[in-house]
Amino acid sequence: MIDFGFQNKGKSSNIIEVDGQQQVFNVKLTNPASKAYVYRAYRLPVYDSSYQFDVNQ
């Protein structure tokens, strides 16, 4: 797993997972008006399945 956590002066991030030579996961987070950098990315769940995350809070 590769975390490019601070791109475009903190306005975007990119998290990529590779398996050998093949890309199996790729997510890009962008927020041009504010910050969208990612400090840490996890491959395994950190929270149990009942946890809900609201990006508006």
Protein backbone atom coordinates (compact mmCIF):
# COMPACT_ATOMS: atom_id res chain seq x y z
CA MET A 1 0.00 0.00 0.00
CA ILE A 2 1.35 3.38 -1.01
CA ASP A 3 -0.01 6.61 0.47
CA PHE A 4 0.75 9.79 -1.46
CA GLY A 5 -0.78 11.80 1.35
CA PHE A 6 0.18 15.36 0.55
CA GLN A 7 -0.25 16.31 -3.11
CA ASN A 8 -1.08 19.66 -4.66
CA LYS A 9 -0.14 21.56 -1.48
CA GLY A 10 -2.45 19.39 0.67
CA LYS A 11 -5.53 19.69 -1.54
CA SER A 12 -5.42 16.06 -2.71
CA SER A 13 -4.20 12.59 -1.72
CA ASN A 14 -3.85 9.28 -3.50
CA ILE A 15 -3.82 5.81 -1.92
CA ILE A 16 -2.77 2.85 -4.08
CA GLU A 17 -2.49 -0.85 -3.28
CA VAL A 18 -0.51 -3.14 -5.56
CA ASP A 19 -0.23 -6.92 -5.73
CA GLY A 20 3.00 -7.69 -7.51
CA GLN A 21 2.79 -5.66 -10.70
CA GLN A 22 -1.00 -5.20 -10.68
CA GLN A 23 -2.89 -2.29 -9.12
CA VAL A 24 -5.79 -3.65 -7.02
CA PHE A 25 -7.02 -0.48 -5.32
CA ASN A 26 -6.74 3.22 -6.11
CA VAL A 27 -8.57 6.10 -4.47
CA LYS A 28 -7.93 9.80 -4.97
CA LEU A 29 -9.28 12.32 -2.48
CA THR A 30 -9.62 15.93 -3.62
CA ASN A 31 -10.86 19.07 -1.94
CA PRO A 32 -9.82 22.18 -3.89
CA ALA A 33 -11.35 24.56 -1.34
CA SER A 34 -9.56 23.19 1.73
CA LYS A 35 -7.34 20.33 2.86
CA ALA A 36 -7.62 16.72 1.72
CA TYR A 37 -4.36 15.16 2.81
CA VAL A 38 -4.22 11.67 4.29
CA TYR A 39 -1.92 11.05 7.24
CA ARG A 40 -2.25 7.28 7.30
CA ALA A 41 -3.92 4.53 5.25
CA TYR A 42 -4.80 1.05 6.54
CA ARG A 43 -5.39 -2.09 4.53
CA LEU A 44 -7.28 -3.85 7.33
CA PRO A 45 -10.36 -2.46 9.09
CA VAL A 46 -9.48 -0.24 12.03
CA TYR A 47 -13.04 0.09 13.35
CA ASP A 48 -15.73 -2.56 13.72
CA SER A 49 -18.53 -2.82 11.15
CA SER A 50 -20.99 -0.78 13.26
CA TYR A 51 -18.81 2.37 13.03
CA GLN A 52 -20.17 5.06 10.71
CA PHE A 53 -18.16 7.96 9.39
CA ASP A 54 -19.79 11.20 8.26
CA VAL A 55 -17.58 13.48 6.17
CA ASN A 56 -19.90 16.42 6.89
CA GLN A 57 -19.07 16.52 10.61
